C-alpha atoms as a PDB file:
ATOM      1  CA  MET A   1      12.246  -2.418  -7.230  1.00  0.00           C
ATOM      2  CA  SER A   2      15.495  -1.438  -8.912  1.00  0.00           C
ATOM      3  CA  SER A   3      13.627  -1.217 -12.227  1.00  0.00           C
ATOM      4  CA  LEU A   4      11.236   1.297 -10.695  1.00  0.00           C
ATOM      5  CA  ALA A   5      14.133   3.319  -9.287  1.00  0.00           C
ATOM      6  CA  THR A   6      15.893   3.272 -12.649  1.00  0.00           C
ATOM      7  CA  ALA A   7      12.700   4.634 -14.225  1.00  0.00           C
ATOM      8  CA  GLY A   8      12.633   7.461 -11.655  1.00  0.00           C
ATOM      9  CA  TYR A   9      10.034   6.056  -9.245  1.00  0.00           C
ATOM     10  CA  VAL A  10      10.278   5.835  -5.462  1.00  0.00           C
ATOM     11  CA  THR A  11       8.746   2.850  -3.670  1.00  0.00           C
ATOM     12  CA  LEU A  12       7.475   2.951  -0.099  1.00  0.00           C
ATOM     13  CA  ALA A  13       7.284  -0.512   1.456  1.00  0.00           C
ATOM     14  CA  PRO A  14       5.682  -0.527   4.903  1.00  0.00           C
ATOM     15  CA  ILE A  15       6.942  -3.131   7.351  1.00  0.00           C
ATOM     16  CA  ARG A  16       4.539  -3.983  10.133  1.00  0.00           C
ATOM     17  CA  PRO A  17       5.874  -3.043  13.558  1.00  0.00           C
ATOM     18  CA  PRO A  18       4.571  -5.219  16.382  1.00  0.00           C
ATOM     19  CA  ASN A  19       1.663  -4.189  18.604  1.00  0.00           C
ATOM     20  CA  LEU A  20       0.035  -1.634  16.299  1.00  0.00           C
ATOM     21  CA  ASN A  21      -3.538  -1.848  15.102  1.00  0.00           C
ATOM     22  CA  TYR A  22      -4.684  -1.370  11.511  1.00  0.00           C
ATOM     23  CA  SER A  23      -5.663   2.252  12.031  1.00  0.00           C
ATOM     24  CA  GLU A  24      -2.232   3.128  13.435  1.00  0.00           C
ATOM     25  CA  LEU A  25      -0.509   1.282  10.600  1.00  0.00           C
ATOM     26  CA  ARG A  26      -2.529   3.148   7.972  1.00  0.00           C
ATOM     27  CA  GLU A  27      -1.588   6.482   9.572  1.00  0.00           C
ATOM     28  CA  ILE A  28       2.099   5.526   9.516  1.00  0.00           C
ATOM     29  CA  VAL A  29       1.873   4.663   5.817  1.00  0.00           C
ATOM     30  CA  ARG A  30       0.088   7.936   5.045  1.00  0.00           C
ATOM     31  CA  GLY A  31       2.824   9.758   6.966  1.00  0.00           C
ATOM     32  CA  GLY A  32       5.470   7.987   4.891  1.00  0.00           C
ATOM     33  CA  ILE A  33       3.756   9.048   1.680  1.00  0.00           C
ATOM     34  CA  GLU A  34       3.561  12.654   2.867  1.00  0.00           C
ATOM     35  CA  TYR A  35       7.224  12.539   3.906  1.00  0.00           C
ATOM     36  CA  LEU A  36       8.261  11.366   0.447  1.00  0.00           C
ATOM     37  CA  LYS A  37       6.088  14.007  -1.235  1.00  0.00           C
ATOM     38  CA  GLY A  38       7.864  16.691   0.770  1.00  0.00           C
ATOM     39  CA  ARG A  39      11.369  15.682  -0.284  1.00  0.00           C
ATOM     40  CA  SER A  40      12.996  17.838  -2.932  1.00  0.00           C
ATOM     41  CA  ASP A  41      14.597  14.792  -4.577  1.00  0.00           C
ATOM     42  CA  VAL A  42      11.272  12.948  -5.044  1.00  0.00           C
ATOM     43  CA  ASP A  43       8.688  13.636  -7.726  1.00  0.00           C
ATOM     44  CA  PRO A  44       5.397  13.273  -5.790  1.00  0.00           C
ATOM     45  CA  ALA A  45       3.675  11.921  -8.917  1.00  0.00           C
ATOM     46  CA  ARG A  46       6.124   8.983  -9.084  1.00  0.00           C
ATOM     47  CA  ILE A  47       5.575   7.253  -5.747  1.00  0.00           C
ATOM     48  CA  TYR A  48       4.553   3.587  -5.626  1.00  0.00           C
ATOM     49  CA  LEU A  49       3.244   1.854  -2.521  1.00  0.00           C
ATOM     50  CA  MET A  50       4.363  -1.738  -2.078  1.00  0.00           C
ATOM     51  CA  GLY A  51       3.449  -4.273   0.563  1.00  0.00           C
ATOM     52  CA  PHE A  52       3.929  -7.917   1.462  1.00  0.00           C
ATOM     53  CA  SER A  53       1.293  -9.905   3.378  1.00  0.00           C
ATOM     54  CA  LYS A  54      -0.216  -7.601   6.022  1.00  0.00           C
ATOM     55  CA  GLY A  55       1.780  -4.695   4.550  1.00  0.00           C
ATOM     56  CA  GLY A  56       0.070  -5.403   1.234  1.00  0.00           C
ATOM     57  CA  PHE A  57      -3.334  -5.365   2.897  1.00  0.00           C
ATOM     58  CA  ILE A  58      -2.530  -2.066   4.650  1.00  0.00           C
ATOM     59  CA  SER A  59      -1.254  -0.612   1.361  1.00  0.00           C
ATOM     60  CA  LEU A  60      -4.474  -1.640  -0.367  1.00  0.00           C
ATOM     61  CA  GLN A  61      -6.546  -0.057   2.418  1.00  0.00           C
ATOM     62  CA  VAL A  62      -4.634   3.238   2.136  1.00  0.00           C
ATOM     63  CA  ALA A  63      -5.133   3.286  -1.635  1.00  0.00           C
ATOM     64  CA  VAL A  64      -8.883   2.696  -1.273  1.00  0.00           C
ATOM     65  CA  GLU A  65      -9.454   5.102   1.617  1.00  0.00           C
ATOM     66  CA  ASP A  66      -7.905   8.216   0.171  1.00  0.00           C
ATOM     67  CA  ASP A  67      -6.567   9.727  -2.998  1.00  0.00           C
ATOM     68  CA  SER A  68      -2.929   9.954  -2.020  1.00  0.00           C
ATOM     69  CA  GLY A  69      -1.733  10.637  -5.551  1.00  0.00           C
ATOM     70  CA  LEU A  70       0.158   7.353  -5.820  1.00  0.00           C
ATOM     71  CA  ALA A  71       1.599   6.292  -9.158  1.00  0.00           C
ATOM     72  CA  GLY A  72       0.688   2.670  -8.485  1.00  0.00           C
ATOM     73  CA  LEU A  73       0.538  -0.284  -6.112  1.00  0.00           C
ATOM     74  CA  LEU A  74       2.630  -3.430  -5.854  1.00  0.00           C
ATOM     75  CA  LEU A  75       0.850  -6.023  -3.720  1.00  0.00           C
ATOM     76  CA  PHE A  76       2.470  -9.334  -2.845  1.00  0.00           C
ATOM     77  CA  SER A  77       0.118 -11.854  -1.206  1.00  0.00           C
ATOM     78  CA  PRO A  78      -1.892  -9.202   0.658  1.00  0.00           C
ATOM     79  CA  SER A  79      -3.413 -10.695   3.781  1.00  0.00           C
ATOM     80  CA  GLU A  80      -5.235  -9.494   6.854  1.00  0.00           C
ATOM     81  CA  GLY A  81      -2.767 -11.565   8.830  1.00  0.00           C
ATOM     82  CA  GLY A  82      -5.466 -13.162  10.948  1.00  0.00           C
ATOM     83  CA  GLY A  83      -5.960  -9.970  12.956  1.00  0.00           C
ATOM     84  CA  SER A  84      -9.295  -8.629  13.993  1.00  0.00           C
ATOM     85  CA  ASP A  85     -10.194  -5.325  12.409  1.00  0.00           C
ATOM     86  CA  PRO A  86     -13.551  -3.720  11.739  1.00  0.00           C
ATOM     87  CA  TRP A  87     -12.222  -2.846   8.284  1.00  0.00           C
ATOM     88  CA  SER A  88     -11.747  -6.497   7.385  1.00  0.00           C
ATOM     89  CA  SER A  89     -15.116  -6.819   5.662  1.00  0.00           C
ATOM     90  CA  TRP A  90     -14.536  -3.903   3.260  1.00  0.00           C
ATOM     91  CA  THR A  91     -13.494  -5.912   0.226  1.00  0.00           C
ATOM     92  CA  THR A  92     -16.367  -5.212  -2.106  1.00  0.00           C
ATOM     93  CA  SER A  93     -15.816  -4.735  -5.785  1.00  0.00           C
ATOM     94  CA  SER A  94     -17.175  -1.178  -5.647  1.00  0.00           C
ATOM     95  CA  GLN A  95     -14.519  -0.177  -3.115  1.00  0.00           C
ATOM     96  CA  LEU A  96     -11.743  -1.811  -5.096  1.00  0.00           C
ATOM     97  CA  GLN A  97     -12.936   0.012  -8.211  1.00  0.00           C
ATOM     98  CA  GLU A  98     -12.067   3.287  -6.452  1.00  0.00           C
ATOM     99  CA  ILE A  99      -8.399   2.565  -7.142  1.00  0.00           C
ATOM    100  CA  ASP A 100      -7.458   4.454 -10.291  1.00  0.00           C
ATOM    101  CA  VAL A 101      -3.748   3.650 -10.531  1.00  0.00           C
ATOM    102  CA  PRO A 102      -1.940   0.606 -11.929  1.00  0.00           C
ATOM    103  CA  VAL A 103      -1.913  -2.361  -9.538  1.00  0.00           C
ATOM    104  CA  PHE A 104       0.460  -5.321  -9.673  1.00  0.00           C
ATOM    105  CA  LEU A 105      -0.941  -8.217  -7.622  1.00  0.00           C
ATOM    106  CA  SER A 106       1.035 -11.356  -6.950  1.00  0.00           C
ATOM    107  CA  VAL A 107      -0.445 -14.197  -4.930  1.00  0.00           C
ATOM    108  CA  GLY A 108       1.522 -17.330  -4.091  1.00  0.00           C
ATOM    109  CA  GLU A 109       0.319 -20.733  -5.167  1.00  0.00           C
ATOM    110  CA  LYS A 110      -0.407 -21.760  -1.549  1.00  0.00           C
ATOM    111  CA  GLU A 111      -2.069 -18.484  -0.552  1.00  0.00           C
ATOM    112  CA  ASP A 112      -5.789 -18.314   0.080  1.00  0.00           C
END
């Protein structure tokens, strides 16, 4: 992340609060993106979204669902986290092809 900051990028990394459903989490992430875009010290074209596990899955969903003007995605072992969500069957290649920004995907050796 420090390399991104040195290059002038801002990274939003959602952390999953307990007891929120996927829809609520996606709205929180969208709100965070809009907050960053409104700051005078942030270039809105240089915002990355980063997530770990369920945060990575939520970040991926946000990137697919709307054109938020992100500079890119950093996804570390994105996972649904075993939760039940009607959005959990969305992972078709056509939906993933909607993402038109650079994506870094890292999946651990023991991840499924």
